[in-house]
Amino acid sequence: MPYFEIIWNDEPGGNVEHIAEHDLEPEDIEEVFFNPMDRNVSRSSGLPIVFGFTPDGRYIMVVYEQIDDVTVYPVTAYDVEE
């Protein structure tokens, strides 16, 4: 299992609020980071992305900023087709 420190911003307009708009919680994103199915780079933003399943079985994509070797900041996440 890879080790990451995931930065969560609970402030209005932060990433916790943003992922909630897609019916996701921090635990969903953490599950994908710790058990990724695939990785890639976003064509629109150039940021890294990771794909995986939430605890309830949804297949999602997480777009994130790599802060350093072990720290990530999730920017957005949403359901995608497998």
C-alpha atoms as a PDB file:
ATOM      1  CA  MET A   1       0.000   0.000   0.000  1.00  0.00           C
ATOM      2  CA  PRO A   2       1.489   3.357  -0.975  1.00  0.00           C
ATOM      3  CA  TYR A   3       1.898   5.997   1.709  1.00  0.00           C
ATOM      4  CA  PHE A   4       0.450   9.449   1.122  1.00  0.00           C
ATOM      5  CA  GLU A   5      -0.339  12.448   3.209  1.00  0.00           C
ATOM      6  CA  ILE A   6      -3.561  13.824   1.799  1.00  0.00           C
ATOM      7  CA  ILE A   7      -4.298  17.500   2.377  1.00  0.00           C
ATOM      8  CA  TRP A   8      -7.941  18.260   3.114  1.00  0.00           C
ATOM      9  CA  ASN A   9      -9.322  21.807   3.137  1.00  0.00           C
ATOM     10  CA  ASP A  10     -12.573  22.023   5.140  1.00  0.00           C
ATOM     11  CA  GLU A  11     -13.011  25.743   4.475  1.00  0.00           C
ATOM     12  CA  PRO A  12     -15.827  26.972   2.209  1.00  0.00           C
ATOM     13  CA  GLY A  13     -14.694  26.456  -1.377  1.00  0.00           C
ATOM     14  CA  GLY A  14     -12.083  23.892  -0.301  1.00  0.00           C
ATOM     15  CA  ASN A  15     -11.591  20.445  -1.736  1.00  0.00           C
ATOM     16  CA  VAL A  16     -13.866  18.735   0.825  1.00  0.00           C
ATOM     17  CA  GLU A  17     -16.782  20.910  -0.264  1.00  0.00           C
ATOM     18  CA  HIS A  18     -15.902  20.405  -3.929  1.00  0.00           C
ATOM     19  CA  ILE A  19     -15.848  16.607  -3.824  1.00  0.00           C
ATOM     20  CA  ALA A  20     -19.107  16.660  -1.838  1.00  0.00           C
ATOM     21  CA  GLU A  21     -20.710  18.276  -4.891  1.00  0.00           C
ATOM     22  CA  HIS A  22     -20.001  14.939  -6.624  1.00  0.00           C
ATOM     23  CA  ASP A  23     -21.476  12.936  -3.708  1.00  0.00           C
ATOM     24  CA  LEU A  24     -18.015  11.901  -2.503  1.00  0.00           C
ATOM     25  CA  GLU A  25     -16.324  12.074   0.892  1.00  0.00           C
ATOM     26  CA  PRO A  26     -12.635  12.194   1.852  1.00  0.00           C
ATOM     27  CA  GLU A  27     -12.777   8.488   2.751  1.00  0.00           C
ATOM     28  CA  ASP A  28     -13.767   7.673  -0.839  1.00  0.00           C
ATOM     29  CA  ILE A  29     -10.773   9.537  -2.239  1.00  0.00           C
ATOM     30  CA  GLU A  30      -8.405   8.021   0.343  1.00  0.00           C
ATOM     31  CA  GLU A  31      -9.510   4.519  -0.657  1.00  0.00           C
ATOM     32  CA  VAL A  32      -8.634   5.260  -4.291  1.00  0.00           C
ATOM     33  CA  PHE A  33      -5.211   6.680  -3.388  1.00  0.00           C
ATOM     34  CA  PHE A  34      -4.371   3.665  -1.229  1.00  0.00           C
ATOM     35  CA  ASN A  35      -5.736   1.080  -3.699  1.00  0.00           C
ATOM     36  CA  PRO A  36      -5.377   2.581  -7.189  1.00  0.00           C
ATOM     37  CA  MET A  37      -6.492   0.672 -10.255  1.00  0.00           C
ATOM     38  CA  ASP A  38      -4.773   2.985 -12.755  1.00  0.00           C
ATOM     39  CA  ARG A  39      -2.886   6.280 -13.033  1.00  0.00           C
ATOM     40  CA  ASN A  40      -2.632   8.834 -15.812  1.00  0.00           C
ATOM     41  CA  VAL A  41      -2.396  12.558 -16.539  1.00  0.00           C
ATOM     42  CA  SER A  42      -5.403  14.797 -17.149  1.00  0.00           C
ATOM     43  CA  ARG A  43      -5.598  15.950 -20.759  1.00  0.00           C
ATOM     44  CA  SER A  44      -7.332  19.189 -19.767  1.00  0.00           C
ATOM     45  CA  SER A  45      -5.254  20.307 -16.763  1.00  0.00           C
ATOM     46  CA  GLY A  46      -2.024  18.321 -17.087  1.00  0.00           C
ATOM     47  CA  LEU A  47      -2.398  17.241 -13.450  1.00  0.00           C
ATOM     48  CA  PRO A  48      -1.923  13.633 -12.357  1.00  0.00           C
ATOM     49  CA  ILE A  49      -5.024  11.483 -11.955  1.00  0.00           C
ATOM     50  CA  VAL A  50      -5.721   8.200 -10.241  1.00  0.00           C
ATOM     51  CA  PHE A  51      -8.607   5.783 -10.809  1.00  0.00           C
ATOM     52  CA  GLY A  52     -10.147   3.326  -8.399  1.00  0.00           C
ATOM     53  CA  PHE A  53     -13.143   2.088  -6.472  1.00  0.00           C
ATOM     54  CA  THR A  54     -14.774   3.736  -3.476  1.00  0.00           C
ATOM     55  CA  PRO A  55     -15.741   1.547  -0.498  1.00  0.00           C
ATOM     56  CA  ASP A  56     -19.303   1.371  -1.896  1.00  0.00           C
ATOM     57  CA  GLY A  57     -18.086   0.222  -5.335  1.00  0.00           C
ATOM     58  CA  ARG A  58     -18.219   3.425  -7.395  1.00  0.00           C
ATOM     59  CA  TYR A  59     -15.436   3.762  -9.976  1.00  0.00           C
ATOM     60  CA  ILE A  60     -14.021   7.289  -9.749  1.00  0.00           C
ATOM     61  CA  MET A  61     -11.238   9.453 -11.053  1.00  0.00           C
ATOM     62  CA  VAL A  62      -9.326  11.773  -8.703  1.00  0.00           C
ATOM     63  CA  VAL A  63      -7.423  14.759 -10.090  1.00  0.00           C
ATOM     64  CA  TYR A  64      -4.718  15.935  -7.692  1.00  0.00           C
ATOM     65  CA  GLU A  65      -1.665  18.103  -7.240  1.00  0.00           C
ATOM     66  CA  GLN A  66       1.536  16.336  -6.200  1.00  0.00           C
ATOM     67  CA  ILE A  67       2.938  18.595  -3.460  1.00  0.00           C
ATOM     68  CA  ASP A  68       6.032  16.474  -2.773  1.00  0.00           C
ATOM     69  CA  ASP A  69       7.021  12.792  -2.831  1.00  0.00           C
ATOM     70  CA  VAL A  70       4.398  11.780  -0.242  1.00  0.00           C
ATOM     71  CA  THR A  71       1.909  14.663  -0.134  1.00  0.00           C
ATOM     72  CA  VAL A  72      -1.064  15.147  -2.437  1.00  0.00           C
ATOM     73  CA  TYR A  73      -3.880  17.691  -2.655  1.00  0.00           C
ATOM     74  CA  PRO A  74      -7.052  16.317  -4.275  1.00  0.00           C
ATOM     75  CA  VAL A  75      -8.465  18.947  -6.644  1.00  0.00           C
ATOM     76  CA  THR A  76     -11.608  17.157  -7.821  1.00  0.00           C
ATOM     77  CA  ALA A  77     -13.083  13.685  -8.129  1.00  0.00           C
ATOM     78  CA  TYR A  78     -16.043  12.207  -9.939  1.00  0.00           C
ATOM     79  CA  ASP A  79     -17.578   9.027 -11.301  1.00  0.00           C
ATOM     80  CA  VAL A  80     -16.251   7.656 -14.592  1.00  0.00           C
ATOM     81  CA  GLU A  81     -16.943   4.626 -16.768  1.00  0.00           C
ATOM     82  CA  GLU A  82     -14.617   1.658 -16.292  1.00  0.00           C
END
